[in-house]
């Protein structure tokens, strides 16, 4: 399973890459854009969520283009938990990206 977008801090990138430049640990942030098929939606919301949780991903965003919303999951006590669902004028921020701020409506 290949994520749509990943983010890795410079610190993690320099410490956890092999000689070929491949990342050897989970990225801190993974972003998935939901597909339209029920099979793919289930995969992103269940299978990938579980996999990323097991692998140690700190934050997981699911972007739903049809509903125009973003679900944000963050690591809490060793697993990814949904902490918010953002719509319209809500602001997307992340503790991983302190200078990042984006209004949801601007993404759709």
PDB file of N, CA and C in Angstrom:
ATOM      1  N   UNK A   1       0.840  -1.177   0.000  1.00  0.00           N
ATOM      2  CA  UNK A   1       0.000   0.000   0.000  1.00  0.00           C
ATOM      3  C   UNK A   1       0.881   1.235   0.000  1.00  0.00           C
ATOM      4  N   UNK A   2       0.617   2.099  -0.931  1.00  0.00           N
ATOM      5  CA  UNK A   2       1.410   3.311  -1.078  1.00  0.00           C
ATOM      6  C   UNK A   2       0.534   4.512  -0.737  1.00  0.00           C
ATOM      7  N   UNK A   3       0.975   5.358   0.211  1.00  0.00           N
ATOM      8  CA  UNK A   3       0.180   6.542   0.550  1.00  0.00           C
ATOM      9  C   UNK A   3       0.231   7.580  -0.564  1.00  0.00           C
ATOM     10  N   UNK A   4      -0.780   8.466  -0.566  1.00  0.00           N
ATOM     11  CA  UNK A   4      -0.808   9.538  -1.561  1.00  0.00           C
ATOM     12  C   UNK A   4       0.276  10.573  -1.282  1.00  0.00           C
ATOM     13  N   UNK A   5       0.417  10.976  -0.011  1.00  0.00           N
ATOM     14  CA  UNK A   5       1.402  11.991   0.382  1.00  0.00           C
ATOM     15  C   UNK A   5       1.985  11.592   1.735  1.00  0.00           C
ATOM     16  N   UNK A   6       3.294  11.799   1.901  1.00  0.00           N
ATOM     17  CA  UNK A   6       3.909  11.620   3.217  1.00  0.00           C
ATOM     18  C   UNK A   6       4.694  12.870   3.569  1.00  0.00           C
ATOM     19  N   UNK A   7       4.903  13.082   4.864  1.00  0.00           N
ATOM     20  CA  UNK A   7       5.787  14.143   5.343  1.00  0.00           C
ATOM     21  C   UNK A   7       6.717  13.537   6.373  1.00  0.00           C
ATOM     22  N   UNK A   8       8.001  13.860   6.236  1.00  0.00           N
ATOM     23  CA  UNK A   8       9.028  13.375   7.150  1.00  0.00           C
ATOM     24  C   UNK A   8       9.874  14.569   7.570  1.00  0.00           C
ATOM     25  N   UNK A   9      10.119  14.706   8.854  1.00  0.00           N
ATOM     26  CA  UNK A   9      10.953  15.805   9.345  1.00  0.00           C
ATOM     27  C   UNK A   9      12.394  15.621   8.871  1.00  0.00           C
ATOM     28  N   UNK A  10      13.123  16.725   8.788  1.00  0.00           N
ATOM     29  CA  UNK A  10      14.537  16.653   8.408  1.00  0.00           C
ATOM     30  C   UNK A  10      15.317  15.776   9.377  1.00  0.00           C
ATOM     31  N   UNK A  11      14.989  15.878  10.660  1.00  0.00           N
ATOM     32  CA  UNK A  11      15.689  15.082  11.670  1.00  0.00           C
ATOM     33  C   UNK A  11      15.516  13.584  11.409  1.00  0.00           C
ATOM     34  N   UNK A  12      14.289  13.186  11.162  1.00  0.00           N
ATOM     35  CA  UNK A  12      14.016  11.766  10.914  1.00  0.00           C
ATOM     36  C   UNK A  12      14.609  11.334   9.572  1.00  0.00           C
ATOM     37  N   UNK A  13      14.552  12.201   8.597  1.00  0.00           N
ATOM     38  CA  UNK A  13      15.071  11.884   7.269  1.00  0.00           C
ATOM     39  C   UNK A  13      16.573  11.618   7.312  1.00  0.00           C
ATOM     40  N   UNK A  14      17.307  12.423   8.078  1.00  0.00           N
ATOM     41  CA  UNK A  14      18.760  12.233   8.140  1.00  0.00           C
ATOM     42  C   UNK A  14      19.162  11.033   8.987  1.00  0.00           C
ATOM     43  N   UNK A  15      18.350  10.677   9.975  1.00  0.00           N
ATOM     44  CA  UNK A  15      18.696   9.560  10.862  1.00  0.00           C
ATOM     45  C   UNK A  15      18.230   8.201  10.349  1.00  0.00           C
ATOM     46  N   UNK A  16      17.159   8.187   9.565  1.00  0.00           N
ATOM     47  CA  UNK A  16      16.520   6.910   9.235  1.00  0.00           C
ATOM     48  C   UNK A  16      16.379   6.667   7.735  1.00  0.00           C
ATOM     49  N   UNK A  17      17.447   6.916   6.997  1.00  0.00           N
ATOM     50  CA  UNK A  17      17.468   6.546   5.581  1.00  0.00           C
ATOM     51  C   UNK A  17      18.635   5.588   5.359  1.00  0.00           C
ATOM     52  N   UNK A  18      18.418   4.652   4.433  1.00  0.00           N
ATOM     53  CA  UNK A  18      19.493   3.706   4.139  1.00  0.00           C
ATOM     54  C   UNK A  18      20.437   4.301   3.097  1.00  0.00           C
ATOM     55  N   UNK A  19      21.414   3.537   2.666  1.00  0.00           N
ATOM     56  CA  UNK A  19      22.414   4.028   1.709  1.00  0.00           C
ATOM     57  C   UNK A  19      21.819   4.410   0.365  1.00  0.00           C
ATOM     58  N   UNK A  20      20.647   3.864   0.046  1.00  0.00           N
ATOM     59  CA  UNK A  20      19.981   4.196  -1.217  1.00  0.00           C
ATOM     60  C   UNK A  20      19.047   5.390  -1.078  1.00  0.00           C
ATOM     61  N   UNK A  21      18.940   5.937   0.135  1.00  0.00           N
ATOM     62  CA  UNK A  21      18.068   7.084   0.357  1.00  0.00           C
ATOM     63  C   UNK A  21      16.639   6.721   0.708  1.00  0.00           C
ATOM     64  N   UNK A  22      16.367   5.437   0.965  1.00  0.00           N
ATOM     65  CA  UNK A  22      15.017   5.000   1.322  1.00  0.00           C
ATOM     66  C   UNK A  22      14.779   5.181   2.814  1.00  0.00           C
ATOM     67  N   UNK A  23      13.607   5.636   3.160  1.00  0.00           N
ATOM     68  CA  UNK A  23      13.210   5.799   4.552  1.00  0.00           C
ATOM     69  C   UNK A  23      13.027   4.421   5.184  1.00  0.00           C
ATOM     70  N   UNK A  24      13.606   4.210   6.351  1.00  0.00           N
ATOM     71  CA  UNK A  24      13.543   2.892   6.998  1.00  0.00           C
ATOM     72  C   UNK A  24      12.568   2.848   8.174  1.00  0.00           C
ATOM     73  N   UNK A  25      11.879   3.944   8.443  1.00  0.00           N
ATOM     74  CA  UNK A  25      10.841   3.999   9.485  1.00  0.00           C
ATOM     75  C   UNK A  25       9.609   4.684   8.899  1.00  0.00           C
ATOM     76  N   UNK A  26       8.516   4.635   9.629  1.00  0.00           N
ATOM     77  CA  UNK A  26       7.276   5.264   9.154  1.00  0.00           C
ATOM     78  C   UNK A  26       7.417   6.786   9.132  1.00  0.00           C
ATOM     79  N   UNK A  27       6.795   7.445   8.161  1.00  0.00           N
ATOM     80  CA  UNK A  27       6.785   8.909   8.153  1.00  0.00           C
ATOM     81  C   UNK A  27       5.944   9.432   9.314  1.00  0.00           C
ATOM     82  N   UNK A  28       6.157  10.681   9.683  1.00  0.00           N
ATOM     83  CA  UNK A  28       5.357  11.265  10.762  1.00  0.00           C
ATOM     84  C   UNK A  28       3.922  11.530  10.328  1.00  0.00           C
ATOM     85  N   UNK A  29       3.737  11.958   9.079  1.00  0.00           N
ATOM     86  CA  UNK A  29       2.407  12.325   8.582  1.00  0.00           C
ATOM     87  C   UNK A  29       2.137  11.607   7.269  1.00  0.00           C
ATOM     88  N   UNK A  30       0.932  11.032   7.164  1.00  0.00           N
ATOM     89  CA  UNK A  30       0.471  10.442   5.907  1.00  0.00           C
ATOM     90  C   UNK A  30      -0.861  11.081   5.556  1.00  0.00           C
ATOM     91  N   UNK A  31      -1.020  11.416   4.275  1.00  0.00           N
ATOM     92  CA  UNK A  31      -2.260  12.008   3.775  1.00  0.00           C
ATOM     93  C   UNK A  31      -2.802  11.114   2.674  1.00  0.00           C
ATOM     94  N   UNK A  32      -4.066  10.747   2.798  1.00  0.00           N
ATOM     95  CA  UNK A  32      -4.751   9.961   1.771  1.00  0.00           C
ATOM     96  C   UNK A  32      -5.924  10.770   1.235  1.00  0.00           C
ATOM     97  N   UNK A  33      -6.083  10.770  -0.081  1.00  0.00           N
ATOM     98  CA  UNK A  33      -7.252  11.361  -0.729  1.00  0.00           C
ATOM     99  C   UNK A  33      -8.176  10.204  -1.076  1.00  0.00           C
ATOM    100  N   UNK A  34      -9.389  10.232  -0.506  1.00  0.00           N
ATOM    101  CA  UNK A  34     -10.317   9.122  -0.725  1.00  0.00           C
ATOM    102  C   UNK A  34     -10.654   8.954  -2.194  1.00  0.00           C
ATOM    103  N   UNK A  35     -10.666   7.725  -2.625  1.00  0.00           N
ATOM    104  CA  UNK A  35     -11.152   7.395  -3.961  1.00  0.00           C
ATOM    105  C   UNK A  35     -12.672   7.313  -3.909  1.00  0.00           C
ATOM    106  N   UNK A  36     -13.293   7.067  -5.034  1.00  0.00           N
ATOM    107  CA  UNK A  36     -14.758   7.054  -5.068  1.00  0.00           C
ATOM    108  C   UNK A  36     -15.363   5.678  -4.851  1.00  0.00           C
ATOM    109  N   UNK A  37     -14.594   4.619  -5.024  1.00  0.00           N
ATOM    110  CA  UNK A  37     -15.173   3.279  -4.867  1.00  0.00           C
ATOM    111  C   UNK A  37     -15.271   2.904  -3.388  1.00  0.00           C
ATOM    112  N   UNK A  38     -16.316   2.179  -3.038  1.00  0.00           N
ATOM    113  CA  UNK A  38     -16.517   1.747  -1.652  1.00  0.00           C
ATOM    114  C   UNK A  38     -15.349   0.896  -1.159  1.00  0.00           C
ATOM    115  N   UNK A  39     -14.815   0.062  -2.039  1.00  0.00           N
ATOM    116  CA  UNK A  39     -13.678  -0.794  -1.682  1.00  0.00           C
ATOM    117  C   UNK A  39     -12.474   0.055  -1.276  1.00  0.00           C
ATOM    118  N   UNK A  40     -12.176   1.094  -2.063  1.00  0.00           N
ATOM    119  CA  UNK A  40     -11.035   1.960  -1.771  1.00  0.00           C
ATOM    120  C   UNK A  40     -11.272   2.805  -0.523  1.00  0.00           C
ATOM    121  N   UNK A  41     -12.506   3.261  -0.332  1.00  0.00           N
ATOM    122  CA  UNK A  41     -12.842   4.046   0.862  1.00  0.00           C
ATOM    123  C   UNK A  41     -12.635   3.200   2.109  1.00  0.00           C
ATOM    124  N   UNK A  42     -13.098   1.967   2.066  1.00  0.00           N
ATOM    125  CA  UNK A  42     -12.925   1.052   3.200  1.00  0.00           C
ATOM    126  C   UNK A  42     -11.440   0.808   3.459  1.00  0.00           C
ATOM    127  N   UNK A  43     -10.667   0.635   2.403  1.00  0.00           N
ATOM    128  CA  UNK A  43      -9.225   0.410   2.543  1.00  0.00           C
ATOM    129  C   UNK A  43      -8.559   1.597   3.246  1.00  0.00           C
ATOM    130  N   UNK A  44      -8.886   2.834   2.808  1.00  0.00           N
ATOM    131  CA  UNK A  44      -8.260   4.017   3.401  1.00  0.00           C
ATOM    132  C   UNK A  44      -8.700   4.245   4.845  1.00  0.00           C
ATOM    133  N   UNK A  45      -9.974   4.015   5.138  1.00  0.00           N
ATOM    134  CA  UNK A  45     -10.506   4.308   6.477  1.00  0.00           C
ATOM    135  C   UNK A  45     -10.283   3.184   7.482  1.00  0.00           C
ATOM    136  N   UNK A  46     -10.044   1.977   7.013  1.00  0.00           N
ATOM    137  CA  UNK A  46      -9.882   0.864   7.949  1.00  0.00           C
ATOM    138  C   UNK A  46      -8.510   0.204   7.826  1.00  0.00           C
ATOM    139  N   UNK A  47      -8.232  -0.379   6.664  1.00  0.00           N
ATOM    140  CA  UNK A  47      -6.994  -1.145   6.493  1.00  0.00           C
ATOM    141  C   UNK A  47      -5.759  -0.263   6.651  1.00  0.00           C
ATOM    142  N   UNK A  48      -5.730   0.853   5.923  1.00  0.00           N
ATOM    143  CA  UNK A  48      -4.561   1.728   6.004  1.00  0.00           C
ATOM    144  C   UNK A  48      -4.456   2.382   7.378  1.00  0.00           C
ATOM    145  N   UNK A  49      -5.577   2.773   7.959  1.00  0.00           N
ATOM    146  CA  UNK A  49      -5.558   3.361   9.298  1.00  0.00           C
ATOM    147  C   UNK A  49      -4.912   2.396  10.287  1.00  0.00           C
ATOM    148  N   UNK A  50      -5.309   1.149  10.248  1.00  0.00           N
ATOM    149  CA  UNK A  50      -4.747   0.142  11.157  1.00  0.00           C
ATOM    150  C   UNK A  50      -3.257  -0.061  10.882  1.00  0.00           C
ATOM    151  N   UNK A  51      -2.891  -0.187   9.608  1.00  0.00           N
ATOM    152  CA  UNK A  51      -1.493  -0.382   9.236  1.00  0.00           C
ATOM    153  C   UNK A  51      -0.629   0.789   9.698  1.00  0.00           C
ATOM    154  N   UNK A  52      -1.063   2.011   9.412  1.00  0.00           N
ATOM    155  CA  UNK A  52      -0.282   3.190   9.790  1.00  0.00           C
ATOM    156  C   UNK A  52      -0.181   3.316  11.309  1.00  0.00           C
ATOM    157  N   UNK A  53      -1.221   2.926  12.005  1.00  0.00           N
ATOM    158  CA  UNK A  53      -1.202   2.951  13.464  1.00  0.00           C
ATOM    159  C   UNK A  53      -0.153   1.976  14.003  1.00  0.00           C
ATOM    160  N   UNK A  54      -0.132   0.771  13.453  1.00  0.00           N
ATOM    161  CA  UNK A  54       0.840  -0.249  13.869  1.00  0.00           C
ATOM    162  C   UNK A  54       2.265   0.191  13.547  1.00  0.00           C
ATOM    163  N   UNK A  55       2.448   0.839  12.394  1.00  0.00           N
ATOM    164  CA  UNK A  55       3.791   1.231  11.949  1.00  0.00           C
ATOM    165  C   UNK A  55       4.355   2.432  12.702  1.00  0.00           C
ATOM    166  N   UNK A  56       3.522   3.148  13.456  1.00  0.00           N
ATOM    167  CA  UNK A  56       4.027   4.266  14.250  1.00  0.00           C
ATOM    168  C   UNK A  56       3.858   5.635  13.632  1.00  0.00           C
ATOM    169  N   UNK A  57       3.001   5.761  12.616  1.00  0.00           N
ATOM    170  CA  UNK A  57       2.710   7.075  12.037  1.00  0.00           C
ATOM    171  C   UNK A  57       2.106   7.952  13.132  1.00  0.00           C
ATOM    172  N   UNK A  58       2.554   9.212  13.212  1.00  0.00           N
ATOM    173  CA  UNK A  58       2.071  10.107  14.260  1.00  0.00           C
ATOM    174  C   UNK A  58       0.737  10.755  13.893  1.00  0.00           C
ATOM    175  N   UNK A  59       0.568  11.087  12.608  1.00  0.00           N
ATOM    176  CA  UNK A  59      -0.650  11.785  12.190  1.00  0.00           C
ATOM    177  C   UNK A  59      -1.087  11.284  10.813  1.00  0.00           C
ATOM    178  N   UNK A  60      -2.414  11.159  10.623  1.00  0.00           N
ATOM    179  CA  UNK A  60      -2.996  10.636   9.382  1.00  0.00           C
ATOM    180  C   UNK A  60      -4.183  11.511   9.024  1.00  0.00           C
ATOM    181  N   UNK A  61      -4.154  12.076   7.817  1.00  0.00           N
ATOM    182  CA  UNK A  61      -5.266  12.897   7.333  1.00  0.00           C
ATOM    183  C   UNK A  61      -5.953  12.148   6.200  1.00  0.00           C
ATOM    184  N   UNK A  62      -7.266  12.087   6.244  1.00  0.00           N
ATOM    185  CA  UNK A  62      -8.052  11.528   5.148  1.00  0.00           C
ATOM    186  C   UNK A  62      -8.842  12.670   4.532  1.00  0.00           C
ATOM    187  N   UNK A  63      -8.572  12.939   3.259  1.00  0.00           N
ATOM    188  CA  UNK A  63      -9.252  14.021   2.540  1.00  0.00           C
ATOM    189  C   UNK A  63     -10.391  13.420   1.730  1.00  0.00           C
ATOM    190  N   UNK A  64     -11.590  13.893   2.004  1.00  0.00           N
ATOM    191  CA  UNK A  64     -12.794  13.427   1.305  1.00  0.00           C
ATOM    192  C   UNK A  64     -13.254  14.545   0.372  1.00  0.00           C
ATOM    193  N   UNK A  65     -12.950  14.394  -0.915  1.00  0.00           N
ATOM    194  CA  UNK A  65     -13.292  15.435  -1.895  1.00  0.00           C
ATOM    195  C   UNK A  65     -14.787  15.557  -2.103  1.00  0.00           C
ATOM    196  N   UNK A  66     -15.508  14.449  -2.044  1.00  0.00           N
ATOM    197  CA  UNK A  66     -16.956  14.494  -2.275  1.00  0.00           C
ATOM    198  C   UNK A  66     -17.681  15.223  -1.151  1.00  0.00           C
ATOM    199  N   UNK A  67     -17.299  14.945   0.094  1.00  0.00           N
ATOM    200  CA  UNK A  67     -17.929  15.588   1.250  1.00  0.00           C
ATOM    201  C   UNK A  67     -17.259  16.917   1.607  1.00  0.00           C
ATOM    202  N   UNK A  68     -16.130  17.198   0.987  1.00  0.00           N
ATOM    203  CA  UNK A  68     -15.325  18.389   1.237  1.00  0.00           C
ATOM    204  C   UNK A  68     -14.991  18.536   2.725  1.00  0.00           C
ATOM    205  N   UNK A  69     -14.335  17.499   3.228  1.00  0.00           N
ATOM    206  CA  UNK A  69     -13.926  17.490   4.632  1.00  0.00           C
ATOM    207  C   UNK A  69     -12.599  16.762   4.778  1.00  0.00           C
ATOM    208  N   UNK A  70     -11.975  16.971   5.928  1.00  0.00           N
ATOM    209  CA  UNK A  70     -10.732  16.273   6.259  1.00  0.00           C
ATOM    210  C   UNK A  70     -10.875  15.672   7.649  1.00  0.00           C
ATOM    211  N   UNK A  71     -10.599  14.373   7.745  1.00  0.00           N
ATOM    212  CA  UNK A  71     -10.572  13.689   9.035  1.00  0.00           C
ATOM    213  C   UNK A  71      -9.120  13.661   9.502  1.00  0.00           C
ATOM    214  N   UNK A  72      -8.895  14.059  10.748  1.00  0.00           N
ATOM    215  CA  UNK A  72      -7.545  14.103  11.305  1.00  0.00           C
ATOM    216  C   UNK A  72      -7.429  13.069  12.422  1.00  0.00           C
ATOM    217  N   UNK A  73      -6.450  12.178  12.267  1.00  0.00           N
ATOM    218  CA  UNK A  73      -6.149  11.162  13.276  1.00  0.00           C
ATOM    219  C   UNK A  73      -4.770  11.473  13.838  1.00  0.00           C
ATOM    220  N   UNK A  74      -4.632  11.347  15.170  1.00  0.00           N
ATOM    221  CA  UNK A  74      -3.333  11.559  15.810  1.00  0.00           C
ATOM    222  C   UNK A  74      -3.046  10.411  16.770  1.00  0.00           C
ATOM    223  N   UNK A  75      -1.766  10.163  16.945  1.00  0.00           N
ATOM    224  CA  UNK A  75      -1.330   9.080  17.826  1.00  0.00           C
ATOM    225  C   UNK A  75      -1.620   9.454  19.277  1.00  0.00           C
ATOM    226  N   UNK A  76      -2.282   8.530  19.963  1.00  0.00           N
ATOM    227  CA  UNK A  76      -2.577   8.694  21.384  1.00  0.00           C
ATOM    228  C   UNK A  76      -2.490   7.317  22.033  1.00  0.00           C
ATOM    229  N   UNK A  77      -1.609   7.177  22.990  1.00  0.00           N
ATOM    230  CA  UNK A  77      -1.393   5.915  23.695  1.00  0.00           C
ATOM    231  C   UNK A  77      -1.122   4.758  22.722  1.00  0.00           C
ATOM    232  N   UNK A  78      -0.298   5.040  21.719  1.00  0.00           N
ATOM    233  CA  UNK A  78       0.168   4.000  20.815  1.00  0.00           C
ATOM    234  C   UNK A  78      -0.694   3.699  19.607  1.00  0.00           C
ATOM    235  N   UNK A  79      -1.839   4.379  19.454  1.00  0.00           N
ATOM    236  CA  UNK A  79      -2.687   4.142  18.278  1.00  0.00           C
ATOM    237  C   UNK A  79      -3.179   5.464  17.697  1.00  0.00           C
ATOM    238  N   UNK A  80      -3.587   5.422  16.431  1.00  0.00           N
ATOM    239  CA  UNK A  80      -4.159   6.601  15.784  1.00  0.00           C
ATOM    240  C   UNK A  80      -5.638   6.705  16.142  1.00  0.00           C
ATOM    241  N   UNK A  81      -6.019   7.867  16.662  1.00  0.00           N
ATOM    242  CA  UNK A  81      -7.388   8.145  17.086  1.00  0.00           C
ATOM    243  C   UNK A  81      -7.891   9.358  16.312  1.00  0.00           C
ATOM    244  N   UNK A  82      -9.155   9.309  15.843  1.00  0.00           N
ATOM    245  CA  UNK A  82      -9.719  10.484  15.166  1.00  0.00           C
ATOM    246  C   UNK A  82      -9.915  11.588  16.202  1.00  0.00           C
ATOM    247  N   UNK A  83      -9.269  12.727  15.950  1.00  0.00           N
ATOM    248  CA  UNK A  83      -9.360  13.844  16.890  1.00  0.00           C
ATOM    249  C   UNK A  83     -10.262  14.957  16.387  1.00  0.00           C
ATOM    250  N   UNK A  84     -10.498  14.998  15.072  1.00  0.00           N
ATOM    251  CA  UNK A  84     -11.382  16.034  14.538  1.00  0.00           C
ATOM    252  C   UNK A  84     -11.748  15.748  13.091  1.00  0.00           C
ATOM    253  N   UNK A  85     -12.878  16.318  12.694  1.00  0.00           N
ATOM    254  CA  UNK A  85     -13.299  16.355  11.298  1.00  0.00           C
ATOM    255  C   UNK A  85     -13.474  17.822  10.955  1.00  0.00           C
ATOM    256  N   UNK A  86     -12.794  18.270   9.909  1.00  0.00           N
ATOM    257  CA  UNK A  86     -12.772  19.687   9.549  1.00  0.00           C
ATOM    258  C   UNK A  86     -13.562  19.944   8.276  1.00  0.00           C
ATOM    259  N   UNK A  87     -14.305  21.060   8.276  1.00  0.00           N
ATOM    260  CA  UNK A  87     -15.147  21.460   7.147  1.00  0.00           C
ATOM    261  C   UNK A  87     -14.909  22.933   6.826  1.00  0.00           C
ATOM    262  N   UNK A  88     -15.297  23.331   5.615  1.00  0.00           N
ATOM    263  CA  UNK A  88     -15.417  24.726   5.204  1.00  0.00           C
ATOM    264  C   UNK A  88     -14.415  25.709   5.762  1.00  0.00           C
ATOM    265  N   UNK A  89     -14.856  26.537   6.712  1.00  0.00           N
ATOM    266  CA  UNK A  89     -14.007  27.606   7.240  1.00  0.00           C
ATOM    267  C   UNK A  89     -13.098  27.142   8.381  1.00  0.00           C
ATOM    268  N   UNK A  90     -13.153  25.861   8.751  1.00  0.00           N
ATOM    269  CA  UNK A  90     -12.237  25.340   9.778  1.00  0.00           C
ATOM    270  C   UNK A  90     -10.795  25.469   9.302  1.00  0.00           C
ATOM    271  N   UNK A  91      -9.881  25.568  10.256  1.00  0.00           N
ATOM    272  CA  UNK A  91      -8.459  25.694   9.961  1.00  0.00           C
ATOM    273  C   UNK A  91      -7.751  24.365  10.215  1.00  0.00           C
ATOM    274  N   UNK A  92      -6.999  23.912   9.225  1.00  0.00           N
ATOM    275  CA  UNK A  92      -6.186  22.707   9.365  1.00  0.00           C
ATOM    276  C   UNK A  92      -4.816  23.122   9.884  1.00  0.00           C
ATOM    277  N   UNK A  93      -4.443  22.590  11.041  1.00  0.00           N
ATOM    278  CA  UNK A  93      -3.125  22.819  11.626  1.00  0.00           C
ATOM    279  C   UNK A  93      -2.595  21.472  12.105  1.00  0.00           C
ATOM    280  N   UNK A  94      -1.326  21.458  12.464  1.00  0.00           N
ATOM    281  CA  UNK A  94      -0.731  20.222  12.960  1.00  0.00           C
ATOM    282  C   UNK A  94       0.422  20.547  13.898  1.00  0.00           C
ATOM    283  N   UNK A  95       0.545  19.817  14.998  1.00  0.00           N
ATOM    284  CA  UNK A  95       1.716  20.004  15.856  1.00  0.00           C
ATOM    285  C   UNK A  95       3.024  19.647  15.139  1.00  0.00           C
ATOM    286  N   UNK A  96       2.935  18.854  14.098  1.00  0.00           N
ATOM    287  CA  UNK A  96       4.124  18.500  13.318  1.00  0.00           C
ATOM    288  C   UNK A  96       4.610  19.649  12.444  1.00  0.00           C
ATOM    289  N   UNK A  97       3.684  20.533  12.064  1.00  0.00           N
ATOM    290  CA  UNK A  97       3.979  21.627  11.135  1.00  0.00           C
ATOM    291  C   UNK A  97       3.557  22.944  11.786  1.00  0.00           C
ATOM    292  N   UNK A  98       4.343  23.468  12.720  1.00  0.00           N
ATOM    293  CA  UNK A  98       3.905  24.615  13.516  1.00  0.00           C
ATOM    294  C   UNK A  98       3.574  25.870  12.708  1.00  0.00           C
ATOM    295  N   UNK A  99       4.163  26.053  11.551  1.00  0.00           N
ATOM    296  CA  UNK A  99       3.885  27.248  10.748  1.00  0.00           C
ATOM    297  C   UNK A  99       2.821  27.020   9.683  1.00  0.00           C
ATOM    298  N   UNK A 100       2.259  25.824   9.634  1.00  0.00           N
ATOM    299  CA  UNK A 100       1.256  25.490   8.623  1.00  0.00           C
ATOM    300  C   UNK A 100      -0.139  25.802   9.145  1.00  0.00           C
ATOM    301  N   UNK A 101      -0.936  26.473   8.288  1.00  0.00           N
ATOM    302  CA  UNK A 101      -2.320  26.802   8.618  1.00  0.00           C
ATOM    303  C   UNK A 101      -3.067  26.943   7.297  1.00  0.00           C
ATOM    304  N   UNK A 102      -4.143  26.181   7.131  1.00  0.00           N
ATOM    305  CA  UNK A 102      -4.875  26.213   5.869  1.00  0.00           C
ATOM    306  C   UNK A 102      -6.368  26.100   6.140  1.00  0.00           C
ATOM    307  N   UNK A 103      -7.124  26.985   5.530  1.00  0.00           N
ATOM    308  CA  UNK A 103      -8.576  26.905   5.642  1.00  0.00           C
ATOM    309  C   UNK A 103      -9.064  25.784   4.718  1.00  0.00           C
ATOM    310  N   UNK A 104      -9.943  24.932   5.221  1.00  0.00           N
ATOM    311  CA  UNK A 104     -10.405  23.761   4.476  1.00  0.00           C
ATOM    312  C   UNK A 104     -11.025  24.154   3.139  1.00  0.00           C
ATOM    313  N   UNK A 105     -11.816  25.202   3.123  1.00  0.00           N
ATOM    314  CA  UNK A 105     -12.488  25.624   1.890  1.00  0.00           C
ATOM    315  C   UNK A 105     -11.482  25.913   0.769  1.00  0.00           C
ATOM    316  N   UNK A 106     -10.265  26.309   1.121  1.00  0.00           N
ATOM    317  CA  UNK A 106      -9.245  26.614   0.114  1.00  0.00           C
ATOM    318  C   UNK A 106      -8.709  25.363  -0.581  1.00  0.00           C
ATOM    319  N   UNK A 107      -8.969  24.200  -0.010  1.00  0.00           N
ATOM    320  CA  UNK A 107      -8.471  22.952  -0.593  1.00  0.00           C
ATOM    321  C   UNK A 107      -9.418  22.338  -1.611  1.00  0.00           C
ATOM    322  N   UNK A 108     -10.670  22.822  -1.635  1.00  0.00           N
ATOM    323  CA  UNK A 108     -11.668  22.202  -2.513  1.00  0.00           C
ATOM    324  C   UNK A 108     -12.178  23.159  -3.563  1.00  0.00           C
TER     325      UNK A 108
END
